PDB file of N, CA and C in Angstrom:
ATOM      1  N   MET A   1      19.786  35.657 -25.299  1.00  0.00           N
ATOM      2  CA  MET A   1      19.203  34.385 -25.043  1.00  0.00           C
ATOM      3  C   MET A   1      18.097  34.095 -24.320  1.00  0.00           C
ATOM      4  N   SER A   2      17.265  32.999 -24.648  1.00  0.00           N
ATOM      5  CA  SER A   2      16.239  32.779 -24.393  1.00  0.00           C
ATOM      6  C   SER A   2      16.000  32.598 -22.393  1.00  0.00           C
ATOM      7  N   ASP A   3      14.667  33.449 -22.322  1.00  0.00           N
ATOM      8  CA  ASP A   3      14.512  33.059 -20.716  1.00  0.00           C
ATOM      9  C   ASP A   3      14.630  31.586 -20.293  1.00  0.00           C
ATOM     10  N   ALA A   4      14.341  30.653 -21.379  1.00  0.00           N
ATOM     11  CA  ALA A   4      13.952  29.509 -21.077  1.00  0.00           C
ATOM     12  C   ALA A   4      15.358  28.647 -20.436  1.00  0.00           C
ATOM     13  N   VAL A   5      16.469  29.152 -20.285  1.00  0.00           N
ATOM     14  CA  VAL A   5      17.921  28.507 -20.297  1.00  0.00           C
ATOM     15  C   VAL A   5      17.681  29.436 -18.621  1.00  0.00           C
ATOM     16  N   GLU A   6      17.831  28.319 -17.973  1.00  0.00           N
ATOM     17  CA  GLU A   6      17.603  28.799 -16.242  1.00  0.00           C
ATOM     18  C   GLU A   6      19.408  29.118 -15.997  1.00  0.00           C
ATOM     19  N   ARG A   7      19.253  29.950 -15.230  1.00  0.00           N
ATOM     20  CA  ARG A   7      20.239  31.010 -14.331  1.00  0.00           C
ATOM     21  C   ARG A   7      21.145  29.882 -13.826  1.00  0.00           C
ATOM     22  N   PRO A   8      22.393  29.410 -14.197  1.00  0.00           N
ATOM     23  CA  PRO A   8      23.424  28.796 -13.341  1.00  0.00           C
ATOM     24  C   PRO A   8      23.499  28.839 -11.700  1.00  0.00           C
ATOM     25  N   GLU A   9      23.069  28.151 -10.805  1.00  0.00           N
ATOM     26  CA  GLU A   9      23.055  28.507  -9.440  1.00  0.00           C
ATOM     27  C   GLU A   9      24.735  28.615  -9.019  1.00  0.00           C
ATOM     28  N   ALA A  10      25.486  27.953  -9.428  1.00  0.00           N
ATOM     29  CA  ALA A  10      26.871  28.577  -8.860  1.00  0.00           C
ATOM     30  C   ALA A  10      27.774  28.506  -9.791  1.00  0.00           C
ATOM     31  N   CYS A  11      28.852  29.629  -9.387  1.00  0.00           N
ATOM     32  CA  CYS A  11      29.906  29.671 -10.457  1.00  0.00           C
ATOM     33  C   CYS A  11      31.164  29.751  -9.577  1.00  0.00           C
ATOM     34  N   ASP A  12      32.315  29.770 -10.679  1.00  0.00           N
ATOM     35  CA  ASP A  12      33.692  29.444 -10.223  1.00  0.00           C
ATOM     36  C   ASP A  12      34.226  30.721  -9.596  1.00  0.00           C
ATOM     37  N   ALA A  13      33.744  31.906 -10.277  1.00  0.00           N
ATOM     38  CA  ALA A  13      34.283  33.235  -9.914  1.00  0.00           C
ATOM     39  C   ALA A  13      33.572  34.452 -10.463  1.00  0.00           C
ATOM     40  N   GLU A  14      33.445  35.915  -9.477  1.00  0.00           N
ATOM     41  CA  GLU A  14      32.227  36.477 -10.189  1.00  0.00           C
ATOM     42  C   GLU A  14      33.538  37.935 -10.266  1.00  0.00           C
ATOM     43  N   LEU A  15      33.077  38.930 -11.227  1.00  0.00           N
ATOM     44  CA  LEU A  15      33.486  39.621 -11.707  1.00  0.00           C
ATOM     45  C   LEU A  15      32.458  41.139 -11.547  1.00  0.00           C
ATOM     46  N   ASP A  16      32.728  41.953 -10.688  1.00  0.00           N
ATOM     47  CA  ASP A  16      31.723  43.091 -10.954  1.00  0.00           C
ATOM     48  C   ASP A  16      32.340  44.056 -11.786  1.00  0.00           C
ATOM     49  N   ALA A  17      31.765  44.332 -13.156  1.00  0.00           N
ATOM     50  CA  ALA A  17      32.158  45.365 -13.947  1.00  0.00           C
ATOM     51  C   ALA A  17      31.384  46.783 -13.777  1.00  0.00           C
ATOM     52  N   SER A  18      30.821  46.494 -12.958  1.00  0.00           N
ATOM     53  CA  SER A  18      29.659  47.718 -13.037  1.00  0.00           C
ATOM     54  C   SER A  18      30.396  49.074 -13.026  1.00  0.00           C
ATOM     55  N   GLY A  19      30.045  50.233 -13.831  1.00  0.00           N
ATOM     56  CA  GLY A  19      30.481  51.612 -14.047  1.00  0.00           C
ATOM     57  C   GLY A  19      31.382  51.282 -14.920  1.00  0.00           C
ATOM     58  N   LEU A  20      31.920  50.037 -15.468  1.00  0.00           N
ATOM     59  CA  LEU A  20      32.972  50.363 -16.383  1.00  0.00           C
ATOM     60  C   LEU A  20      32.634  50.243 -17.719  1.00  0.00           C
ATOM     61  N   ASN A  21      32.825  51.161 -18.627  1.00  0.00           N
ATOM     62  CA  ASN A  21      32.532  51.416 -20.154  1.00  0.00           C
ATOM     63  C   ASN A  21      33.204  50.608 -21.056  1.00  0.00           C
ATOM     64  N   CYS A  22      32.587  50.364 -22.718  1.00  0.00           N
ATOM     65  CA  CYS A  22      33.445  49.527 -23.139  1.00  0.00           C
ATOM     66  C   CYS A  22      34.573  49.781 -23.527  1.00  0.00           C
ATOM     67  N   PRO A  23      35.418  48.971 -23.607  1.00  0.00           N
ATOM     68  CA  PRO A  23      35.449  47.616 -23.753  1.00  0.00           C
ATOM     69  C   PRO A  23      36.300  47.116 -22.348  1.00  0.00           C
ATOM     70  N   LEU A  24      36.036  47.982 -21.477  1.00  0.00           N
ATOM     71  CA  LEU A  24      36.888  47.312 -20.340  1.00  0.00           C
ATOM     72  C   LEU A  24      36.299  45.877 -19.500  1.00  0.00           C
ATOM     73  N   PRO A  25      34.636  46.218 -19.768  1.00  0.00           N
ATOM     74  CA  PRO A  25      33.761  44.849 -18.811  1.00  0.00           C
ATOM     75  C   PRO A  25      34.439  43.568 -19.465  1.00  0.00           C
ATOM     76  N   LEU A  26      34.649  43.614 -20.719  1.00  0.00           N
ATOM     77  CA  LEU A  26      35.111  42.440 -21.596  1.00  0.00           C
ATOM     78  C   LEU A  26      36.614  42.146 -21.586  1.00  0.00           C
ATOM     79  N   LEU A  27      37.300  43.241 -21.656  1.00  0.00           N
ATOM     80  CA  LEU A  27      38.569  42.980 -20.866  1.00  0.00           C
ATOM     81  C   LEU A  27      38.913  42.301 -19.980  1.00  0.00           C
ATOM     82  N   LYS A  28      38.147  42.830 -18.651  1.00  0.00           N
ATOM     83  CA  LYS A  28      38.415  42.499 -17.423  1.00  0.00           C
ATOM     84  C   LYS A  28      37.909  40.819 -17.314  1.00  0.00           C
ATOM     85  N   ALA A  29      36.794  40.560 -17.840  1.00  0.00           N
ATOM     86  CA  ALA A  29      36.650  39.191 -17.943  1.00  0.00           C
ATOM     87  C   ALA A  29      37.176  38.463 -18.605  1.00  0.00           C
ATOM     88  N   LYS A  30      37.995  38.563 -20.200  1.00  0.00           N
ATOM     89  CA  LYS A  30      38.685  37.797 -20.247  1.00  0.00           C
ATOM     90  C   LYS A  30      40.098  37.246 -19.528  1.00  0.00           C
ATOM     91  N   MET A  31      40.649  38.732 -18.997  1.00  0.00           N
ATOM     92  CA  MET A  31      41.687  38.399 -18.116  1.00  0.00           C
ATOM     93  C   MET A  31      41.252  37.484 -16.700  1.00  0.00           C
ATOM     94  N   GLU A  32      40.161  37.574 -16.304  1.00  0.00           N
ATOM     95  CA  GLU A  32      39.517  36.859 -15.413  1.00  0.00           C
ATOM     96  C   GLU A  32      39.516  35.235 -15.647  1.00  0.00           C
ATOM     97  N   LEU A  33      38.875  34.802 -17.016  1.00  0.00           N
ATOM     98  CA  LEU A  33      39.147  33.804 -17.698  1.00  0.00           C
ATOM     99  C   LEU A  33      39.961  33.221 -17.455  1.00  0.00           C
ATOM    100  N   ASN A  34      40.970  33.864 -18.042  1.00  0.00           N
ATOM    101  CA  ASN A  34      42.597  33.469 -18.239  1.00  0.00           C
ATOM    102  C   ASN A  34      43.014  32.470 -16.924  1.00  0.00           C
ATOM    103  N   ARG A  35      42.764  32.784 -15.751  1.00  0.00           N
ATOM    104  CA  ARG A  35      43.095  32.671 -14.560  1.00  0.00           C
ATOM    105  C   ARG A  35      42.667  31.371 -14.093  1.00  0.00           C
ATOM    106  N   LEU A  36      41.272  31.039 -14.999  1.00  0.00           N
ATOM    107  CA  LEU A  36      40.542  29.720 -14.628  1.00  0.00           C
ATOM    108  C   LEU A  36      40.578  28.487 -15.467  1.00  0.00           C
ATOM    109  N   ALA A  37      40.268  27.490 -14.604  1.00  0.00           N
ATOM    110  CA  ALA A  37      40.743  26.193 -15.393  1.00  0.00           C
ATOM    111  C   ALA A  37      39.600  25.997 -16.623  1.00  0.00           C
ATOM    112  N   SER A  38      39.719  25.391 -17.379  1.00  0.00           N
ATOM    113  CA  SER A  38      38.763  24.888 -18.523  1.00  0.00           C
ATOM    114  C   SER A  38      37.497  24.506 -17.962  1.00  0.00           C
ATOM    115  N   GLY A  39      36.050  24.539 -18.042  1.00  0.00           N
ATOM    116  CA  GLY A  39      34.835  24.273 -18.024  1.00  0.00           C
ATOM    117  C   GLY A  39      34.794  25.042 -16.589  1.00  0.00           C
ATOM    118  N   ALA A  40      35.655  26.179 -15.997  1.00  0.00           N
ATOM    119  CA  ALA A  40      35.171  27.007 -14.912  1.00  0.00           C
ATOM    120  C   ALA A  40      34.016  27.680 -15.518  1.00  0.00           C
ATOM    121  N   VAL A  41      32.916  28.144 -14.540  1.00  0.00           N
ATOM    122  CA  VAL A  41      32.190  29.319 -14.762  1.00  0.00           C
ATOM    123  C   VAL A  41      32.456  30.728 -14.048  1.00  0.00           C
ATOM    124  N   LEU A  42      32.394  31.472 -14.755  1.00  0.00           N
ATOM    125  CA  LEU A  42      32.853  33.096 -14.449  1.00  0.00           C
ATOM    126  C   LEU A  42      31.105  33.963 -14.499  1.00  0.00           C
ATOM    127  N   LYS A  43      30.772  34.763 -13.488  1.00  0.00           N
ATOM    128  CA  LYS A  43      29.614  35.392 -13.742  1.00  0.00           C
ATOM    129  C   LYS A  43      30.383  36.783 -13.562  1.00  0.00           C
ATOM    130  N   VAL A  44      29.540  37.692 -14.164  1.00  0.00           N
ATOM    131  CA  VAL A  44      30.115  39.138 -14.892  1.00  0.00           C
ATOM    132  C   VAL A  44      28.455  39.748 -14.751  1.00  0.00           C
ATOM    133  N   THR A  45      28.789  41.083 -13.903  1.00  0.00           N
ATOM    134  CA  THR A  45      27.777  41.919 -13.896  1.00  0.00           C
ATOM    135  C   THR A  45      28.417  43.156 -14.423  1.00  0.00           C
ATOM    136  N   ALA A  46      27.693  43.714 -15.227  1.00  0.00           N
ATOM    137  CA  ALA A  46      28.310  44.831 -16.058  1.00  0.00           C
ATOM    138  C   ALA A  46      26.775  46.267 -15.799  1.00  0.00           C
ATOM    139  N   THR A  47      27.043  47.349 -16.168  1.00  0.00           N
ATOM    140  CA  THR A  47      26.053  48.235 -16.574  1.00  0.00           C
ATOM    141  C   THR A  47      26.231  49.322 -17.823  1.00  0.00           C
ATOM    142  N   ASP A  48      27.268  48.641 -18.533  1.00  0.00           N
ATOM    143  CA  ASP A  48      27.226  49.387 -20.077  1.00  0.00           C
ATOM    144  C   ASP A  48      26.346  48.086 -21.244  1.00  0.00           C
ATOM    145  N   ALA A  49      25.800  49.164 -21.402  1.00  0.00           N
ATOM    146  CA  ALA A  49      24.654  48.217 -22.469  1.00  0.00           C
ATOM    147  C   ALA A  49      25.206  47.818 -23.512  1.00  0.00           C
ATOM    148  N   GLY A  50      26.428  48.394 -24.189  1.00  0.00           N
ATOM    149  CA  GLY A  50      26.918  47.676 -25.147  1.00  0.00           C
ATOM    150  C   GLY A  50      27.555  46.200 -24.783  1.00  0.00           C
ATOM    151  N   SER A  51      28.025  45.700 -23.833  1.00  0.00           N
ATOM    152  CA  SER A  51      28.164  44.467 -23.121  1.00  0.00           C
ATOM    153  C   SER A  51      27.499  43.452 -23.683  1.00  0.00           C
ATOM    154  N   GLN A  52      25.863  43.382 -24.160  1.00  0.00           N
ATOM    155  CA  GLN A  52      25.256  42.709 -24.318  1.00  0.00           C
ATOM    156  C   GLN A  52      25.845  41.813 -26.008  1.00  0.00           C
ATOM    157  N   ARG A  53      26.265  42.692 -26.408  1.00  0.00           N
ATOM    158  CA  ARG A  53      26.744  42.712 -28.027  1.00  0.00           C
ATOM    159  C   ARG A  53      28.275  42.185 -27.951  1.00  0.00           C
ATOM    160  N   ASP A  54      28.957  42.701 -27.053  1.00  0.00           N
ATOM    161  CA  ASP A  54      30.206  42.019 -26.464  1.00  0.00           C
ATOM    162  C   ASP A  54      30.499  40.607 -26.250  1.00  0.00           C
ATOM    163  N   PHE A  55      29.491  40.439 -24.949  1.00  0.00           N
ATOM    164  CA  PHE A  55      29.600  39.007 -24.978  1.00  0.00           C
ATOM    165  C   PHE A  55      29.475  37.878 -25.626  1.00  0.00           C
ATOM    166  N   ARG A  56      28.432  38.204 -26.183  1.00  0.00           N
ATOM    167  CA  ARG A  56      27.985  37.285 -27.160  1.00  0.00           C
ATOM    168  C   ARG A  56      28.847  36.920 -28.121  1.00  0.00           C
ATOM    169  N   THR A  57      29.316  37.941 -28.665  1.00  0.00           N
ATOM    170  CA  THR A  57      30.096  37.763 -29.520  1.00  0.00           C
ATOM    171  C   THR A  57      31.715  37.051 -29.452  1.00  0.00           C
ATOM    172  N   PHE A  58      32.258  37.631 -27.920  1.00  0.00           N
ATOM    173  CA  PHE A  58      33.177  36.952 -27.574  1.00  0.00           C
ATOM    174  C   PHE A  58      33.020  35.850 -27.008  1.00  0.00           C
ATOM    175  N   ALA A  59      32.005  35.356 -26.579  1.00  0.00           N
ATOM    176  CA  ALA A  59      31.934  33.719 -26.304  1.00  0.00           C
ATOM    177  C   ALA A  59      31.618  32.990 -27.481  1.00  0.00           C
ATOM    178  N   ARG A  60      31.344  33.465 -28.866  1.00  0.00           N
ATOM    179  CA  ARG A  60      31.213  32.842 -29.577  1.00  0.00           C
ATOM    180  C   ARG A  60      32.695  32.526 -30.478  1.00  0.00           C
ATOM    181  N   LEU A  61      33.276  33.591 -30.532  1.00  0.00           N
ATOM    182  CA  LEU A  61      34.746  33.532 -31.152  1.00  0.00           C
ATOM    183  C   LEU A  61      35.585  32.977 -30.595  1.00  0.00           C
ATOM    184  N   ALA A  62      36.027  32.982 -29.226  1.00  0.00           N
ATOM    185  CA  ALA A  62      36.734  32.584 -28.039  1.00  0.00           C
ATOM    186  C   ALA A  62      36.282  30.869 -27.762  1.00  0.00           C
ATOM    187  N   GLY A  63      35.582  30.436 -28.217  1.00  0.00           N
ATOM    188  CA  GLY A  63      34.985  29.309 -28.172  1.00  0.00           C
ATOM    189  C   GLY A  63      33.987  28.967 -26.512  1.00  0.00           C
ATOM    190  N   HIS A  64      33.877  29.959 -25.671  1.00  0.00           N
ATOM    191  CA  HIS A  64      33.405  29.927 -24.289  1.00  0.00           C
ATOM    192  C   HIS A  64      32.217  29.907 -24.579  1.00  0.00           C
ATOM    193  N   GLU A  65      31.209  29.433 -23.610  1.00  0.00           N
ATOM    194  CA  GLU A  65      29.740  29.042 -23.694  1.00  0.00           C
ATOM    195  C   GLU A  65      29.205  29.870 -22.862  1.00  0.00           C
ATOM    196  N   LEU A  66      28.340  30.716 -23.768  1.00  0.00           N
ATOM    197  CA  LEU A  66      27.452  31.885 -23.050  1.00  0.00           C
ATOM    198  C   LEU A  66      26.378  30.927 -22.205  1.00  0.00           C
ATOM    199  N   LEU A  67      25.835  30.620 -20.984  1.00  0.00           N
ATOM    200  CA  LEU A  67      25.255  29.751 -20.620  1.00  0.00           C
ATOM    201  C   LEU A  67      24.070  30.905 -20.368  1.00  0.00           C
ATOM    202  N   HIS A  68      24.096  31.903 -19.661  1.00  0.00           N
ATOM    203  CA  HIS A  68      23.243  32.718 -19.584  1.00  0.00           C
ATOM    204  C   HIS A  68      23.410  33.865 -19.545  1.00  0.00           C
ATOM    205  N   GLU A  69      22.355  34.908 -19.763  1.00  0.00           N
ATOM    206  CA  GLU A  69      22.323  36.282 -19.827  1.00  0.00           C
ATOM    207  C   GLU A  69      21.030  36.817 -19.382  1.00  0.00           C
ATOM    208  N   GLU A  70      21.035  37.978 -18.308  1.00  0.00           N
ATOM    209  CA  GLU A  70      19.898  38.319 -17.921  1.00  0.00           C
ATOM    210  C   GLU A  70      20.347  40.237 -17.403  1.00  0.00           C
ATOM    211  N   VAL A  71      19.127  40.510 -17.675  1.00  0.00           N
ATOM    212  CA  VAL A  71      19.049  42.115 -17.915  1.00  0.00           C
ATOM    213  C   VAL A  71      17.766  42.668 -16.935  1.00  0.00           C
ATOM    214  N   ASP A  72      18.408  43.411 -15.890  1.00  0.00           N
ATOM    215  CA  ASP A  72      17.480  43.892 -14.659  1.00  0.00           C
ATOM    216  C   ASP A  72      17.676  45.358 -14.339  1.00  0.00           C
ATOM    217  N   ALA A  73      16.863  46.276 -14.992  1.00  0.00           N
ATOM    218  CA  ALA A  73      16.806  47.864 -14.505  1.00  0.00           C
ATOM    219  C   ALA A  73      18.676  48.003 -14.376  1.00  0.00           C
ATOM    220  N   GLY A  74      18.796  47.744 -15.941  1.00  0.00           N
ATOM    221  CA  GLY A  74      20.104  48.291 -16.483  1.00  0.00           C
ATOM    222  C   GLY A  74      21.318  47.488 -15.996  1.00  0.00           C
ATOM    223  N   ILE A  75      21.213  46.891 -15.180  1.00  0.00           N
ATOM    224  CA  ILE A  75      22.368  45.765 -14.817  1.00  0.00           C
ATOM    225  C   ILE A  75      22.161  44.191 -15.729  1.00  0.00           C
ATOM    226  N   TYR A  76      23.492  44.480 -16.412  1.00  0.00           N
ATOM    227  CA  TYR A  76      23.443  43.146 -16.950  1.00  0.00           C
ATOM    228  C   TYR A  76      24.412  42.227 -16.441  1.00  0.00           C
ATOM    229  N   ARG A  77      23.805  40.831 -16.269  1.00  0.00           N
ATOM    230  CA  ARG A  77      24.615  39.838 -15.820  1.00  0.00           C
ATOM    231  C   ARG A  77      24.905  38.495 -16.948  1.00  0.00           C
ATOM    232  N   TYR A  78      26.269  38.148 -16.830  1.00  0.00           N
ATOM    233  CA  TYR A  78      26.583  37.262 -18.027  1.00  0.00           C
ATOM    234  C   TYR A  78      27.105  35.540 -16.775  1.00  0.00           C
ATOM    235  N   TRP A  79      26.752  34.926 -17.736  1.00  0.00           N
ATOM    236  CA  TRP A  79      27.344  33.745 -17.037  1.00  0.00           C
ATOM    237  C   TRP A  79      28.081  32.978 -18.082  1.00  0.00           C
ATOM    238  N   LEU A  80      29.503  32.782 -18.021  1.00  0.00           N
ATOM    239  CA  LEU A  80      30.244  32.187 -19.049  1.00  0.00           C
ATOM    240  C   LEU A  80      31.350  30.919 -18.672  1.00  0.00           C
ATOM    241  N   ARG A  81      30.765  29.835 -19.400  1.00  0.00           N
ATOM    242  CA  ARG A  81      31.654  28.770 -19.011  1.00  0.00           C
ATOM    243  C   ARG A  81      33.010  28.438 -19.788  1.00  0.00           C
ATOM    244  N   LYS A  82      34.235  28.627 -19.459  1.00  0.00           N
ATOM    245  CA  LYS A  82      35.172  28.749 -20.024  1.00  0.00           C
ATOM    246  C   LYS A  82      35.514  27.588 -21.007  1.00  0.00           C
ATOM    247  N   ALA A  83      36.101  27.629 -22.022  1.00  0.00           N
ATOM    248  CA  ALA A  83      35.955  26.609 -23.028  1.00  0.00           C
ATOM    249  C   ALA A  83      37.335  25.595 -22.386  1.00  0.00           C
TER     250      ALA A  83
END
């Protein structure tokens, strides 16, 4: 995603999937999204480099909106808005 898209200031829930390998960060995020209402924003933190591909594909296929993603020193953060 482009850096021009600003990071959301608020989220409705946060998930720390640090230290988990593929596919666990995505599976845990999917479970957390299932608990949230439509339109809610979930922030996910992961350390698995493969999570970039996984979250982009998941958001597109599931109809969720990947609002923002960022990488800093091997830490991947994603903000997803539930469809």
